[in-house]
Amino acid sequence: MFKDPVSFHIPGTRLLFSIICEMDSPERFAYVEDLLKDPLRSLILDIPLRTILLSQQIESLMWKRNGLSMENQMRCYRESCKSSLWDKDLLSMQVIMALSPVDDTLVRIIHKY
């Protein structure tokens, strides 16, 4: 369960990684690595990770008492808008984890789960 508010609507990170995906130059990973320094990297990893974990918690019925509204939001996130929401969150996590030290990233994911 989360102590801080969590939302399926995180347009900032999705916009950033949509722009990164549209870059055609081979130097884009060097640019991304320079852009995403450590404090920002940790923050950007945390946001989609919390969103994905929320959808997993809803799917495992941990939020059953909140009624159908949570389930409907999760279905929209994972099924209806999959290409624009779910895929961007996974891509952002993959890029951040590829640029981060393994130990820090693994500890952060285990702590959130």
N, C-alpha and C. Protein backbone atom coordinates (compact mmCIF):
# COMPACT_ATOMS: atom_id res chain seq x y z
N MET A 1 0.85 -1.18 0.00
CA MET A 1 0.00 0.00 0.00
C MET A 1 0.89 1.24 0.00
N PHE A 2 0.34 2.31 -0.51
CA PHE A 2 1.11 3.53 -0.69
C PHE A 2 0.77 4.55 0.39
N LYS A 3 1.79 5.28 0.81
CA LYS A 3 1.59 6.36 1.76
C LYS A 3 1.33 7.67 1.01
N ASP A 4 1.95 7.83 -0.16
CA ASP A 4 1.80 9.03 -0.97
C ASP A 4 0.73 8.81 -2.04
N PRO A 5 0.15 9.90 -2.54
CA PRO A 5 -0.87 9.75 -3.59
C PRO A 5 -0.27 9.14 -4.87
N VAL A 6 -1.05 8.32 -5.54
CA VAL A 6 -0.64 7.67 -6.78
C VAL A 6 -1.72 7.92 -7.82
N SER A 7 -1.31 8.15 -9.05
CA SER A 7 -2.27 8.41 -10.11
C SER A 7 -1.85 7.67 -11.37
N PHE A 8 -2.82 7.34 -12.20
CA PHE A 8 -2.53 6.78 -13.51
C PHE A 8 -2.18 7.89 -14.50
N HIS A 9 -2.39 9.13 -14.13
CA HIS A 9 -2.18 10.27 -15.01
C HIS A 9 -0.86 10.94 -14.68
N ILE A 10 0.20 10.55 -15.40
CA ILE A 10 1.53 11.12 -15.20
C ILE A 10 2.07 11.58 -16.55
N PRO A 11 1.57 12.70 -17.06
CA PRO A 11 1.92 13.10 -18.41
C PRO A 11 3.37 13.55 -18.58
N GLY A 12 4.02 14.02 -17.54
CA GLY A 12 5.39 14.52 -17.67
C GLY A 12 6.38 13.46 -18.12
N THR A 13 6.41 12.35 -17.43
CA THR A 13 7.36 11.29 -17.80
C THR A 13 6.98 10.65 -19.13
N ARG A 14 5.71 10.52 -19.39
CA ARG A 14 5.29 9.92 -20.68
C ARG A 14 5.66 10.83 -21.85
N LEU A 15 5.53 12.13 -21.68
CA LEU A 15 5.92 13.06 -22.73
C LEU A 15 7.44 13.00 -22.95
N LEU A 16 8.20 12.98 -21.88
CA LEU A 16 9.65 12.90 -21.99
C LEU A 16 10.08 11.66 -22.76
N PHE A 17 9.52 10.51 -22.43
CA PHE A 17 9.94 9.29 -23.10
C PHE A 17 9.32 9.14 -24.48
N SER A 18 8.23 9.82 -24.76
CA SER A 18 7.72 9.85 -26.13
C SER A 18 8.67 10.64 -27.02
N ILE A 19 9.18 11.74 -26.51
CA ILE A 19 10.15 12.53 -27.27
C ILE A 19 11.43 11.74 -27.49
N ILE A 20 11.89 11.04 -26.45
CA ILE A 20 13.10 10.23 -26.57
C ILE A 20 12.92 9.13 -27.62
N CYS A 21 11.75 8.51 -27.66
CA CYS A 21 11.48 7.45 -28.64
C CYS A 21 11.47 7.98 -30.06
N GLU A 22 11.06 9.22 -30.25
CA GLU A 22 10.98 9.79 -31.58
C GLU A 22 12.32 10.30 -32.10
N MET A 23 13.33 10.38 -31.25
CA MET A 23 14.65 10.83 -31.70
C MET A 23 15.27 9.74 -32.58
N ASP A 24 15.77 10.14 -33.75
CA ASP A 24 16.31 9.17 -34.69
C ASP A 24 17.83 9.06 -34.67
N SER A 25 18.49 9.93 -33.98
CA SER A 25 19.95 9.92 -34.02
C SER A 25 20.52 8.83 -33.13
N PRO A 26 21.65 8.26 -33.53
CA PRO A 26 22.27 7.22 -32.69
C PRO A 26 22.85 7.77 -31.38
N GLU A 27 22.99 9.08 -31.31
CA GLU A 27 23.54 9.69 -30.08
C GLU A 27 22.48 9.93 -29.03
N ARG A 28 21.27 9.43 -29.25
CA ARG A 28 20.19 9.74 -28.31
C ARG A 28 20.43 9.15 -26.93
N PHE A 29 21.10 8.02 -26.84
CA PHE A 29 21.32 7.43 -25.52
C PHE A 29 22.35 8.23 -24.73
N ALA A 30 23.34 8.78 -25.43
CA ALA A 30 24.28 9.67 -24.74
C ALA A 30 23.56 10.92 -24.26
N TYR A 31 22.64 11.43 -25.08
CA TYR A 31 21.86 12.60 -24.69
C TYR A 31 20.96 12.28 -23.50
N VAL A 32 20.33 11.12 -23.54
CA VAL A 32 19.44 10.71 -22.44
C VAL A 32 20.23 10.52 -21.16
N GLU A 33 21.41 9.94 -21.27
CA GLU A 33 22.24 9.73 -20.08
C GLU A 33 22.68 11.05 -19.48
N ASP A 34 23.00 12.05 -20.31
CA ASP A 34 23.36 13.36 -19.80
C ASP A 34 22.15 14.08 -19.20
N LEU A 35 21.00 13.89 -19.81
CA LEU A 35 19.78 14.54 -19.34
C LEU A 35 19.31 13.99 -18.00
N LEU A 36 19.40 12.69 -17.83
CA LEU A 36 18.86 12.04 -16.64
C LEU A 36 19.96 11.75 -15.63
N LYS A 37 20.36 12.76 -14.91
CA LYS A 37 21.35 12.58 -13.85
C LYS A 37 20.69 11.93 -12.64
N ASP A 38 21.48 11.59 -11.65
CA ASP A 38 21.01 10.73 -10.56
C ASP A 38 19.77 11.21 -9.80
N PRO A 39 19.66 12.44 -9.30
CA PRO A 39 18.43 12.76 -8.56
C PRO A 39 17.18 12.68 -9.44
N LEU A 40 17.29 13.17 -10.65
CA LEU A 40 16.15 13.12 -11.57
C LEU A 40 15.85 11.69 -11.98
N ARG A 41 16.88 10.89 -12.15
CA ARG A 41 16.72 9.49 -12.54
C ARG A 41 15.92 8.72 -11.50
N SER A 42 16.21 8.94 -10.24
CA SER A 42 15.49 8.25 -9.17
C SER A 42 14.02 8.66 -9.12
N LEU A 43 13.77 9.94 -9.33
CA LEU A 43 12.39 10.44 -9.33
C LEU A 43 11.60 9.88 -10.50
N ILE A 44 12.22 9.88 -11.68
CA ILE A 44 11.51 9.39 -12.87
C ILE A 44 11.27 7.89 -12.77
N LEU A 45 12.15 7.14 -12.15
CA LEU A 45 11.91 5.70 -11.96
C LEU A 45 10.76 5.48 -10.99
N ASP A 46 10.69 6.28 -9.97
CA ASP A 46 9.70 6.08 -8.92
C ASP A 46 8.27 6.29 -9.42
N ILE A 47 8.05 7.25 -10.28
CA ILE A 47 6.69 7.60 -10.72
C ILE A 47 6.03 6.47 -11.50
N PRO A 48 6.63 5.97 -12.60
CA PRO A 48 5.96 4.87 -13.31
C PRO A 48 5.95 3.57 -12.53
N LEU A 49 6.96 3.36 -11.68
CA LEU A 49 6.99 2.16 -10.85
C LEU A 49 5.79 2.14 -9.92
N ARG A 50 5.48 3.26 -9.30
CA ARG A 50 4.32 3.33 -8.41
C ARG A 50 3.02 3.11 -9.17
N THR A 51 2.94 3.62 -10.39
CA THR A 51 1.73 3.45 -11.20
C THR A 51 1.54 1.99 -11.59
N ILE A 52 2.61 1.34 -12.01
CA ILE A 52 2.53 -0.08 -12.38
C ILE A 52 2.19 -0.93 -11.17
N LEU A 53 2.78 -0.61 -10.03
CA LEU A 53 2.48 -1.37 -8.82
C LEU A 53 1.03 -1.16 -8.39
N LEU A 54 0.50 0.04 -8.57
CA LEU A 54 -0.91 0.27 -8.26
C LEU A 54 -1.80 -0.60 -9.14
N SER A 55 -1.48 -0.70 -10.41
CA SER A 55 -2.31 -1.53 -11.29
C SER A 55 -2.21 -3.01 -10.90
N GLN A 56 -1.03 -3.43 -10.44
CA GLN A 56 -0.88 -4.81 -9.98
C GLN A 56 -1.67 -5.05 -8.70
N GLN A 57 -1.69 -4.08 -7.81
CA GLN A 57 -2.45 -4.22 -6.57
C GLN A 57 -3.95 -4.28 -6.85
N ILE A 58 -4.42 -3.47 -7.79
CA ILE A 58 -5.84 -3.50 -8.15
C ILE A 58 -6.19 -4.84 -8.77
N GLU A 59 -5.30 -5.35 -9.63
CA GLU A 59 -5.55 -6.64 -10.27
C GLU A 59 -5.57 -7.78 -9.28
N SER A 60 -4.80 -7.67 -8.21
CA SER A 60 -4.80 -8.73 -7.19
C SER A 60 -5.85 -8.50 -6.11
N LEU A 61 -6.77 -7.58 -6.36
CA LEU A 61 -7.94 -7.30 -5.51
C LEU A 61 -7.59 -6.72 -4.15
N MET A 62 -6.47 -6.03 -4.04
CA MET A 62 -6.13 -5.36 -2.79
C MET A 62 -6.97 -4.09 -2.58
N TRP A 63 -7.57 -3.58 -3.65
CA TRP A 63 -8.38 -2.37 -3.59
C TRP A 63 -9.86 -2.69 -3.83
N LYS A 64 -10.28 -3.85 -3.50
CA LYS A 64 -11.64 -4.31 -3.78
C LYS A 64 -12.71 -3.44 -3.09
N ARG A 65 -12.42 -2.94 -1.92
CA ARG A 65 -13.41 -2.15 -1.17
C ARG A 65 -13.69 -0.80 -1.81
N ASN A 66 -12.83 -0.36 -2.72
CA ASN A 66 -13.06 0.92 -3.39
C ASN A 66 -14.05 0.81 -4.53
N GLY A 67 -14.56 -0.36 -4.77
CA GLY A 67 -15.59 -0.54 -5.77
C GLY A 67 -15.04 -0.70 -7.18
N LEU A 68 -15.95 -0.52 -8.12
CA LEU A 68 -15.60 -0.74 -9.51
C LEU A 68 -14.82 0.41 -10.13
N SER A 69 -14.78 1.56 -9.50
CA SER A 69 -14.08 2.70 -10.10
C SER A 69 -12.58 2.43 -10.25
N MET A 70 -11.98 1.82 -9.25
CA MET A 70 -10.55 1.49 -9.35
C MET A 70 -10.31 0.45 -10.43
N GLU A 71 -11.16 -0.54 -10.52
CA GLU A 71 -11.00 -1.57 -11.55
C GLU A 71 -11.17 -0.97 -12.94
N ASN A 72 -12.11 -0.05 -13.10
CA ASN A 72 -12.32 0.58 -14.39
C ASN A 72 -11.13 1.45 -14.80
N GLN A 73 -10.54 2.15 -13.84
CA GLN A 73 -9.34 2.94 -14.13
C GLN A 73 -8.19 2.05 -14.55
N MET A 74 -8.03 0.92 -13.87
CA MET A 74 -6.95 0.00 -14.20
C MET A 74 -7.16 -0.60 -15.58
N ARG A 75 -8.39 -0.96 -15.91
CA ARG A 75 -8.68 -1.52 -17.24
C ARG A 75 -8.38 -0.51 -18.34
N CYS A 76 -8.74 0.72 -18.10
CA CYS A 76 -8.44 1.77 -19.07
C CYS A 76 -6.93 1.93 -19.23
N TYR A 77 -6.21 1.89 -18.12
CA TYR A 77 -4.75 2.04 -18.14
C TYR A 77 -4.07 0.88 -18.85
N ARG A 78 -4.51 -0.34 -18.57
CA ARG A 78 -3.80 -1.51 -19.08
C ARG A 78 -4.34 -2.05 -20.40
N GLU A 79 -5.58 -1.77 -20.73
CA GLU A 79 -6.16 -2.37 -21.93
C GLU A 79 -6.53 -1.33 -22.99
N SER A 80 -7.35 -0.38 -22.64
CA SER A 80 -7.84 0.58 -23.63
C SER A 80 -6.75 1.52 -24.14
N CYS A 81 -5.95 2.02 -23.24
CA CYS A 81 -4.91 3.00 -23.60
C CYS A 81 -3.51 2.39 -23.48
N LYS A 82 -3.38 1.12 -23.74
CA LYS A 82 -2.13 0.39 -23.50
C LYS A 82 -0.94 1.02 -24.21
N SER A 83 -1.10 1.39 -25.48
CA SER A 83 0.05 1.89 -26.23
C SER A 83 0.53 3.24 -25.72
N SER A 84 -0.36 4.05 -25.21
CA SER A 84 0.06 5.37 -24.76
C SER A 84 0.38 5.45 -23.27
N LEU A 85 -0.09 4.53 -22.48
CA LEU A 85 0.14 4.61 -21.04
C LEU A 85 1.05 3.50 -20.53
N TRP A 86 0.58 2.29 -20.58
CA TRP A 86 1.31 1.14 -20.03
C TRP A 86 2.67 0.99 -20.71
N ASP A 87 2.70 1.06 -22.03
CA ASP A 87 3.96 0.87 -22.76
C ASP A 87 4.97 1.97 -22.47
N LYS A 88 4.52 3.20 -22.34
CA LYS A 88 5.43 4.31 -22.03
C LYS A 88 6.00 4.16 -20.62
N ASP A 89 5.18 3.71 -19.68
CA ASP A 89 5.69 3.50 -18.32
C ASP A 89 6.74 2.39 -18.28
N LEU A 90 6.48 1.30 -19.00
CA LEU A 90 7.47 0.23 -19.05
C LEU A 90 8.75 0.68 -19.74
N LEU A 91 8.62 1.43 -20.82
CA LEU A 91 9.80 1.93 -21.53
C LEU A 91 10.62 2.85 -20.64
N SER A 92 9.95 3.74 -19.93
CA SER A 92 10.69 4.65 -19.05
C SER A 92 11.41 3.89 -17.95
N MET A 93 10.78 2.86 -17.40
CA MET A 93 11.46 2.06 -16.37
C MET A 93 12.66 1.32 -16.96
N GLN A 94 12.53 0.79 -18.17
CA GLN A 94 13.64 0.07 -18.80
C GLN A 94 14.82 0.99 -19.07
N VAL A 95 14.55 2.18 -19.58
CA VAL A 95 15.63 3.12 -19.87
C VAL A 95 16.32 3.55 -18.59
N ILE A 96 15.55 3.89 -17.58
CA ILE A 96 16.14 4.33 -16.31
C ILE A 96 16.95 3.21 -15.67
N MET A 97 16.42 1.98 -15.71
CA MET A 97 17.15 0.87 -15.10
C MET A 97 18.42 0.55 -15.88
N ALA A 98 18.42 0.77 -17.18
CA ALA A 98 19.63 0.54 -17.97
C ALA A 98 20.69 1.58 -17.65
N LEU A 99 20.30 2.78 -17.26
CA LEU A 99 21.26 3.84 -16.96
C LEU A 99 21.67 3.89 -15.50
N SER A 100 20.96 3.21 -14.64
CA SER A 100 21.21 3.28 -13.19
C SER A 100 22.09 2.13 -12.73
N PRO A 101 22.77 2.33 -11.60
CA PRO A 101 23.49 1.20 -11.01
C PRO A 101 22.51 0.10 -10.60
N VAL A 102 22.90 -1.12 -10.80
CA VAL A 102 22.02 -2.26 -10.58
C VAL A 102 21.57 -2.36 -9.12
N ASP A 103 22.48 -2.15 -8.20
CA ASP A 103 22.16 -2.29 -6.78
C ASP A 103 21.08 -1.30 -6.35
N ASP A 104 21.24 -0.04 -6.74
CA ASP A 104 20.28 0.98 -6.34
C ASP A 104 18.90 0.69 -6.90
N THR A 105 18.86 0.32 -8.17
CA THR A 105 17.59 0.07 -8.83
C THR A 105 16.89 -1.14 -8.23
N LEU A 106 17.63 -2.20 -8.00
CA LEU A 106 17.04 -3.41 -7.44
C LEU A 106 16.51 -3.17 -6.04
N VAL A 107 17.24 -2.45 -5.23
CA VAL A 107 16.79 -2.14 -3.87
C VAL A 107 15.52 -1.30 -3.92
N ARG A 108 15.45 -0.34 -4.83
CA ARG A 108 14.27 0.52 -4.94
C ARG A 108 13.03 -0.29 -5.34
N ILE A 109 13.20 -1.20 -6.31
CA ILE A 109 12.06 -2.01 -6.76
C ILE A 109 11.60 -2.96 -5.66
N ILE A 110 12.53 -3.60 -4.99
CA ILE A 110 12.17 -4.51 -3.89
C ILE A 110 11.49 -3.74 -2.76
N HIS A 111 11.96 -2.55 -2.47
CA HIS A 111 11.36 -1.74 -1.41
C HIS A 111 9.92 -1.37 -1.76
N LYS A 112 9.66 -1.05 -3.02
CA LYS A 112 8.30 -0.69 -3.44
C LYS A 112 7.37 -1.89 -3.45
N TYR A 113 7.89 -3.06 -3.83
CA TYR A 113 7.04 -4.24 -3.86
C TYR A 113 6.80 -4.72 -2.45
